[in-house]
Amino acid sequence: MERALEAVEAGRFFGGARGELGIEADVSAGHSLGEWAAMVAAGMYPREAVDTFLAALPPGSLKVPDLVYAALGCGAPRAEAALHGEDGVVVSHDNCPHQSVVCGDPAGVARVVARLGAEGVLCRELPFRSGFHTPMWEPYLGQV
């Protein structure tokens, strides 16, 4: 979660720097926490609201499931097919026709990565754990 808070803070920093340099953005975009960072950078939220939000989530205060993500060099249909028999793994992101992400328990994701890797699909475990964008996050929603 610390990385998520850092992303929001980075959005705030770059939004401020952009303004100080006299650069006006035509558009701000992001995905997931990146959307929040983009909205902060664009000034969509009052500074006090962002401060209150960040103060409510001190490092280590948010409990997240011990789930891993893996980026896959294949589309969601192929990723979904590779989940056969992996009840604790889901396709969490259908990013484009040739890139998707799976999320789930570490052992299950490792098996999916090995299965697809053996078929020549590029796969990489991502360096964060949370379960955002999955049904496994539902029991944790009450924290935010």
Protein backbone atom coordinates (compact mmCIF):
# COMPACT_ATOMS: atom_id res chain seq x y z
CA MET A 1 0.00 0.00 0.00
CA GLU A 2 2.95 2.28 0.57
CA ARG A 3 3.57 2.33 -3.20
CA ALA A 4 -0.03 3.38 -3.76
CA LEU A 5 0.34 6.30 -1.39
CA GLU A 6 3.62 7.21 -3.08
CA ALA A 7 1.81 7.22 -6.44
CA VAL A 8 -0.78 9.68 -5.16
CA GLU A 9 1.96 11.85 -3.66
CA ALA A 10 3.90 11.70 -6.94
CA GLY A 11 0.79 12.86 -8.78
CA ARG A 12 0.52 15.77 -6.39
CA PHE A 13 4.21 16.63 -6.82
CA PHE A 14 4.17 16.52 -10.62
CA GLY A 15 0.90 18.42 -10.79
CA GLY A 16 2.44 21.17 -8.67
CA ALA A 17 5.68 21.19 -10.66
CA ARG A 18 3.76 21.36 -13.92
CA GLY A 19 1.85 24.38 -12.65
CA GLU A 20 4.99 26.12 -11.42
CA LEU A 21 6.56 25.64 -14.85
CA GLY A 22 3.51 27.13 -16.53
CA ILE A 23 2.62 23.88 -18.29
CA GLU A 24 -1.08 23.27 -18.74
CA ALA A 25 -2.08 19.67 -19.41
CA ASP A 26 -4.78 18.97 -21.94
CA VAL A 27 -5.55 15.63 -20.34
CA SER A 28 -4.59 13.52 -17.34
CA ALA A 29 -4.97 9.76 -17.33
CA GLY A 30 -4.08 6.70 -15.36
CA HIS A 31 -5.31 3.27 -14.37
CA SER A 32 -6.44 2.24 -10.91
CA LEU A 33 -4.30 4.14 -8.41
CA GLY A 34 -2.85 5.99 -11.39
CA GLU A 35 -6.31 7.46 -11.96
CA TRP A 36 -6.25 8.81 -8.43
CA ALA A 37 -2.78 10.23 -8.98
CA ALA A 38 -3.92 11.84 -12.24
CA MET A 39 -6.97 13.38 -10.55
CA VAL A 40 -4.78 14.74 -7.75
CA ALA A 41 -2.30 16.13 -10.30
CA ALA A 42 -5.15 17.75 -12.23
CA GLY A 43 -6.42 19.46 -9.08
CA MET A 44 -9.78 17.69 -9.13
CA TYR A 45 -9.66 17.30 -5.35
CA PRO A 46 -9.00 20.08 -2.87
CA ARG A 47 -5.58 19.79 -1.24
CA GLU A 48 -7.22 19.37 2.18
CA ALA A 49 -9.26 16.39 0.94
CA VAL A 50 -6.12 14.69 -0.35
CA ASP A 51 -4.31 15.38 2.93
CA THR A 52 -7.21 13.89 4.90
CA PHE A 53 -7.27 10.80 2.68
CA LEU A 54 -3.52 10.23 2.94
CA ALA A 55 -3.53 10.78 6.71
CA ALA A 56 -6.27 8.16 7.07
CA LEU A 57 -4.03 5.54 5.44
CA PRO A 58 -0.73 5.57 7.32
CA PRO A 59 1.82 3.00 6.13
CA GLY A 60 0.97 -0.49 7.31
CA SER A 61 -2.61 0.39 8.27
CA LEU A 62 -4.35 -1.20 5.29
CA LYS A 63 -4.51 -4.98 5.29
CA VAL A 64 -4.41 -6.61 1.87
CA PRO A 65 -4.57 -10.24 0.81
CA ASP A 66 -1.29 -12.01 0.08
CA LEU A 67 -1.94 -12.26 -3.64
CA VAL A 68 0.45 -11.79 -6.52
CA TYR A 69 0.01 -10.41 -10.01
CA ALA A 70 1.71 -11.53 -13.18
CA ALA A 71 1.75 -9.62 -16.46
CA LEU A 72 1.28 -11.92 -19.43
CA GLY A 73 2.20 -11.43 -23.07
CA CYS A 74 -1.11 -12.82 -24.25
CA GLY A 75 -4.71 -11.71 -24.40
CA ALA A 76 -7.32 -12.41 -21.77
CA PRO A 77 -8.89 -15.39 -23.59
CA ARG A 78 -5.58 -17.28 -23.63
CA ALA A 79 -4.87 -16.26 -20.03
CA GLU A 80 -8.33 -17.47 -19.00
CA ALA A 81 -7.71 -20.82 -20.69
CA ALA A 82 -4.44 -21.18 -18.76
CA LEU A 83 -6.33 -20.85 -15.46
CA HIS A 84 -7.80 -24.33 -15.88
CA GLY A 85 -7.84 -25.92 -12.44
CA GLU A 86 -6.61 -22.80 -10.62
CA ASP A 87 -9.54 -21.76 -8.43
CA GLY A 88 -7.52 -19.11 -6.60
CA VAL A 89 -6.40 -17.21 -9.72
CA VAL A 90 -8.35 -14.79 -11.94
CA VAL A 91 -7.69 -12.63 -14.98
CA SER A 92 -7.68 -9.23 -13.30
CA HIS A 93 -6.79 -7.00 -16.27
CA ASP A 94 -7.60 -7.32 -19.96
CA ASN A 95 -5.28 -4.53 -21.08
CA CYS A 96 -5.17 -5.11 -24.83
CA PRO A 97 -5.36 -8.01 -27.32
CA HIS A 98 -1.83 -9.15 -26.46
CA GLN A 99 -1.42 -8.25 -22.78
CA SER A 100 -3.30 -9.29 -19.69
CA VAL A 101 -2.70 -9.72 -15.97
CA VAL A 102 -3.60 -12.54 -13.63
CA CYS A 103 -3.87 -12.32 -9.87
CA GLY A 104 -4.18 -14.93 -7.18
CA ASP A 105 -2.45 -17.04 -4.61
CA PRO A 106 1.31 -17.17 -5.17
CA ALA A 107 1.49 -20.90 -5.94
CA GLY A 108 -1.41 -20.75 -8.39
CA VAL A 109 -0.01 -17.75 -10.23
CA ALA A 110 3.39 -19.49 -10.41
CA ARG A 111 1.74 -22.51 -12.05
CA VAL A 112 -0.08 -20.30 -14.58
CA VAL A 113 3.17 -18.47 -15.37
CA ALA A 114 5.00 -21.79 -15.79
CA ARG A 115 2.22 -23.18 -17.99
CA LEU A 116 2.16 -20.14 -20.29
CA GLY A 117 5.94 -19.75 -20.21
CA ALA A 118 6.28 -23.32 -21.50
CA GLU A 119 4.11 -22.24 -24.44
CA GLY A 120 6.45 -19.33 -25.20
CA VAL A 121 4.36 -16.60 -23.58
CA LEU A 122 6.39 -13.89 -21.85
CA CYS A 123 5.32 -13.62 -18.21
CA ARG A 124 6.54 -11.58 -15.28
CA GLU A 125 5.44 -11.51 -11.68
CA LEU A 126 4.81 -7.92 -10.62
CA PRO A 127 6.47 -6.42 -7.53
CA PHE A 128 3.37 -5.73 -5.44
CA ARG A 129 0.59 -7.62 -3.70
CA SER A 130 -2.93 -6.48 -2.99
CA GLY A 131 -5.73 -8.17 -4.90
CA PHE A 132 -7.18 -4.88 -6.21
CA HIS A 133 -9.41 -5.43 -9.26
CA THR A 134 -10.31 -8.95 -8.18
CA PRO A 135 -13.14 -10.64 -6.31
CA MET A 136 -10.58 -11.53 -3.62
CA TRP A 137 -10.44 -7.86 -2.55
CA GLU A 138 -14.12 -7.79 -1.52
CA PRO A 139 -13.57 -8.86 2.13
CA TYR A 140 -11.12 -5.95 2.53
CA LEU A 141 -13.37 -3.17 1.16
CA GLY A 142 -14.56 -2.06 4.59
CA GLN A 143 -11.12 -0.60 5.33
CA VAL A 144 -11.37 2.15 2.71
